[in-house]
N, C-alpha and C. Protein backbone atom coordinates (compact mmCIF):
# COMPACT_ATOMS: atom_id res chain seq x y z
N UNK A 1 3.55 -13.30 -20.40
CA UNK A 1 2.97 -12.43 -20.82
C UNK A 1 2.68 -11.32 -20.30
N UNK A 2 3.80 -10.15 -20.88
CA UNK A 2 4.12 -8.95 -20.41
C UNK A 2 2.30 -8.28 -20.26
N UNK A 3 2.25 -7.27 -18.62
CA UNK A 3 0.88 -6.95 -18.02
C UNK A 3 1.00 -5.49 -18.99
N UNK A 4 0.22 -5.31 -19.67
CA UNK A 4 -0.26 -4.02 -21.02
C UNK A 4 -0.41 -3.05 -19.69
N UNK A 5 -0.54 -1.49 -20.30
CA UNK A 5 -1.42 -0.50 -19.55
C UNK A 5 -2.20 -0.29 -18.67
N UNK A 6 -3.12 -1.60 -19.11
CA UNK A 6 -4.67 -1.30 -18.63
C UNK A 6 -5.01 -1.71 -17.67
N UNK A 7 -4.28 -3.04 -17.40
CA UNK A 7 -3.86 -4.13 -16.46
C UNK A 7 -2.90 -3.28 -15.13
N UNK A 8 -2.20 -2.03 -15.21
CA UNK A 8 -1.30 -2.11 -14.07
C UNK A 8 -2.17 -0.67 -13.75
N UNK A 9 -3.19 0.11 -15.00
CA UNK A 9 -3.86 1.12 -14.14
C UNK A 9 -5.16 0.63 -13.37
N UNK A 10 -5.76 -0.68 -13.70
CA UNK A 10 -6.46 -1.03 -12.83
C UNK A 10 -6.19 -1.20 -11.70
N UNK A 11 -4.79 -2.22 -11.02
CA UNK A 11 -4.20 -2.60 -10.07
C UNK A 11 -4.06 -1.33 -9.52
N UNK A 12 -3.50 -0.25 -10.08
CA UNK A 12 -3.14 0.92 -9.11
C UNK A 12 -4.31 1.61 -8.68
N UNK A 13 -5.39 1.62 -9.45
CA UNK A 13 -6.76 2.39 -9.19
C UNK A 13 -7.02 1.63 -8.16
N UNK A 14 -7.44 -0.07 -7.73
CA UNK A 14 -7.89 -0.73 -6.50
C UNK A 14 -7.11 -0.62 -5.75
N UNK A 15 -5.45 -0.31 -5.71
CA UNK A 15 -4.85 -0.03 -4.36
C UNK A 15 -4.69 1.53 -3.97
N UNK A 16 -5.34 2.59 -5.00
CA UNK A 16 -5.11 3.46 -4.60
C UNK A 16 -7.19 3.71 -4.34
N UNK A 17 -7.96 3.13 -4.07
CA UNK A 17 -9.46 3.09 -3.67
C UNK A 17 -8.58 2.49 -2.64
N UNK A 18 -8.66 1.50 -1.83
CA UNK A 18 -8.10 0.84 -0.31
C UNK A 18 -7.90 1.92 0.28
N UNK A 19 -6.00 2.80 -0.14
CA UNK A 19 -6.03 3.29 0.64
C UNK A 19 -6.97 4.62 0.79
N UNK A 20 -7.69 5.41 0.24
CA UNK A 20 -8.39 6.06 0.54
C UNK A 20 -9.61 5.90 0.94
N UNK A 21 -9.81 4.91 1.03
CA UNK A 21 -11.12 3.77 2.79
C UNK A 21 -10.12 3.16 3.65
N UNK A 22 -9.05 3.49 3.75
CA UNK A 22 -7.90 3.73 5.35
C UNK A 22 -8.11 4.63 5.66
N UNK A 23 -8.39 6.08 5.01
CA UNK A 23 -8.33 7.65 5.14
C UNK A 23 -7.23 8.68 5.25
N UNK A 24 -6.28 8.14 4.00
CA UNK A 24 -5.53 8.53 2.88
C UNK A 24 -6.06 9.57 2.41
N UNK A 25 -6.16 10.94 2.39
CA UNK A 25 -7.33 11.45 1.96
C UNK A 25 -6.54 12.56 1.23
N UNK A 26 -5.30 13.33 1.05
CA UNK A 26 -4.26 14.19 0.61
C UNK A 26 -3.73 13.57 -0.23
N UNK A 27 -3.72 14.42 -1.76
CA UNK A 27 -3.12 13.80 -2.79
C UNK A 27 -1.93 13.53 -2.63
N UNK A 28 -1.04 14.39 -1.87
CA UNK A 28 0.33 14.95 -1.60
C UNK A 28 0.97 13.38 -0.85
N UNK A 29 2.17 13.06 -1.09
CA UNK A 29 2.37 11.30 -0.40
C UNK A 29 1.17 10.28 -0.78
N UNK A 30 0.35 10.47 -1.60
CA UNK A 30 -0.93 9.55 -1.92
C UNK A 30 -0.12 8.24 -2.27
N UNK A 31 0.76 8.99 -3.86
CA UNK A 31 1.09 7.93 -5.20
C UNK A 31 2.73 7.87 -4.54
N UNK A 32 3.16 6.96 -4.87
CA UNK A 32 4.78 6.34 -4.66
C UNK A 32 5.28 7.10 -6.29
N UNK A 33 6.59 7.03 -5.56
CA UNK A 33 7.75 7.68 -7.09
C UNK A 33 6.84 6.65 -8.21
N UNK A 34 7.07 5.01 -8.13
CA UNK A 34 6.98 4.69 -9.23
C UNK A 34 5.78 4.14 -9.81
N UNK A 35 4.75 4.65 -8.89
CA UNK A 35 3.37 5.13 -8.90
C UNK A 35 3.27 6.58 -10.60
N UNK A 36 3.31 7.58 -9.62
CA UNK A 36 3.65 8.78 -10.73
C UNK A 36 4.09 8.59 -11.81
N UNK A 37 5.51 7.96 -11.47
CA UNK A 37 6.35 7.29 -12.86
C UNK A 37 5.28 6.88 -14.04
N UNK A 38 4.95 5.98 -13.83
CA UNK A 38 3.77 4.78 -14.62
C UNK A 38 2.16 6.02 -14.91
N UNK A 39 1.71 6.85 -13.95
CA UNK A 39 0.92 7.51 -14.28
C UNK A 39 1.03 8.60 -15.59
N UNK A 40 2.40 9.16 -15.12
CA UNK A 40 3.17 10.81 -16.10
C UNK A 40 3.32 9.27 -17.96
N UNK A 41 3.75 8.38 -17.84
CA UNK A 41 3.88 7.34 -18.71
C UNK A 41 2.63 7.54 -19.54
N UNK A 42 1.42 7.42 -18.81
CA UNK A 42 0.40 7.23 -20.16
C UNK A 42 -0.64 8.81 -19.75
N UNK A 43 0.29 9.35 -19.42
CA UNK A 43 -0.63 11.14 -19.71
C UNK A 43 -1.66 11.62 -18.03
N UNK A 44 -1.29 10.38 -17.11
CA UNK A 44 -2.25 11.01 -16.53
C UNK A 44 -1.92 11.26 -15.14
N UNK A 45 -2.14 12.61 -15.02
CA UNK A 45 -1.59 12.90 -13.70
C UNK A 45 -2.26 13.04 -12.46
N UNK A 46 -1.48 12.68 -11.04
CA UNK A 46 -1.52 11.95 -9.93
C UNK A 46 -3.17 12.71 -9.55
N UNK A 47 -3.20 14.26 -9.48
CA UNK A 47 -4.59 14.41 -9.34
C UNK A 47 -5.91 14.20 -9.45
N UNK A 48 -5.43 14.03 -11.08
CA UNK A 48 -6.61 13.06 -11.59
C UNK A 48 -6.95 11.93 -11.06
N UNK A 49 -6.34 11.04 -11.38
CA UNK A 49 -6.67 9.95 -10.57
C UNK A 49 -7.41 10.06 -8.98
N UNK A 50 -6.38 11.01 -8.43
CA UNK A 50 -6.67 10.88 -6.61
C UNK A 50 -8.22 11.44 -7.37
N UNK A 51 -9.00 12.57 -7.81
CA UNK A 51 -10.04 12.61 -7.60
C UNK A 51 -10.94 11.47 -8.02
N UNK A 52 -10.49 11.25 -9.05
CA UNK A 52 -11.50 9.98 -9.61
C UNK A 52 -11.69 9.22 -8.47
N UNK A 53 -11.17 9.15 -7.66
CA UNK A 53 -10.73 7.79 -6.97
C UNK A 53 -11.78 8.31 -5.58
N UNK A 54 -11.40 9.57 -4.93
CA UNK A 54 -12.35 10.31 -4.79
C UNK A 54 -13.98 9.66 -4.56
N UNK A 55 -14.32 10.55 -5.63
CA UNK A 55 -15.61 10.45 -6.08
C UNK A 55 -15.96 9.32 -6.26
N UNK A 56 -15.05 8.22 -7.23
CA UNK A 56 -15.57 6.69 -7.15
C UNK A 56 -16.03 6.00 -5.56
N UNK A 57 -14.92 6.08 -5.11
CA UNK A 57 -15.48 5.65 -3.31
C UNK A 57 -16.93 5.89 -2.58
N UNK A 58 -16.84 8.08 -2.82
CA UNK A 58 -17.69 8.45 -2.49
C UNK A 58 -19.17 7.82 -3.06
N UNK A 59 -19.30 7.53 -4.53
CA UNK A 59 -20.11 7.09 -5.07
C UNK A 59 -20.45 5.69 -4.46
N UNK A 60 -19.26 4.71 -4.33
CA UNK A 60 -19.51 3.68 -4.01
C UNK A 60 -20.28 3.33 -2.38
N UNK A 61 -19.71 4.35 -1.84
CA UNK A 61 -20.16 4.63 -0.29
C UNK A 61 -21.40 4.39 -0.37
N UNK A 62 -21.96 5.71 -1.08
CA UNK A 62 -23.47 6.20 -1.40
C UNK A 62 -24.40 4.67 -1.55
N UNK A 63 -23.74 4.16 -2.45
CA UNK A 63 -24.77 2.81 -2.80
C UNK A 63 -25.21 1.78 -1.78
N UNK A 64 -23.43 1.59 -0.58
CA UNK A 64 -23.66 0.48 0.08
C UNK A 64 -24.34 1.12 0.81
N UNK A 65 -24.51 2.27 1.33
CA UNK A 65 -25.66 2.68 2.37
C UNK A 65 -27.22 2.62 2.05
N UNK A 66 -27.32 2.51 0.83
CA UNK A 66 -28.51 2.65 0.18
C UNK A 66 -29.12 0.85 0.47
N UNK A 67 -28.28 0.20 -0.21
CA UNK A 67 -28.35 -1.13 0.21
C UNK A 67 -29.00 -1.78 1.79
N UNK A 68 -28.57 -1.11 2.77
CA UNK A 68 -28.21 -1.30 3.98
C UNK A 68 -29.38 -0.39 4.74
N UNK A 69 -30.09 0.30 4.03
CA UNK A 69 -31.56 0.95 4.54
C UNK A 69 -32.79 0.04 4.64
């Protein structure tokens, strides 16, 4: 069965969160050419996903900190 765009987007989001966790904090060069083409094909700009990843990562880290208090 062919992977639909939702699965591809989810995989890309998880990969992006991993990159952000590793310290990649600049949108320039954050996504590969193939990822940029995919995002464009679904009407998503790289800045939109990057910002969403940054907010999601920060939110997740805040909850982890609360759990360890």
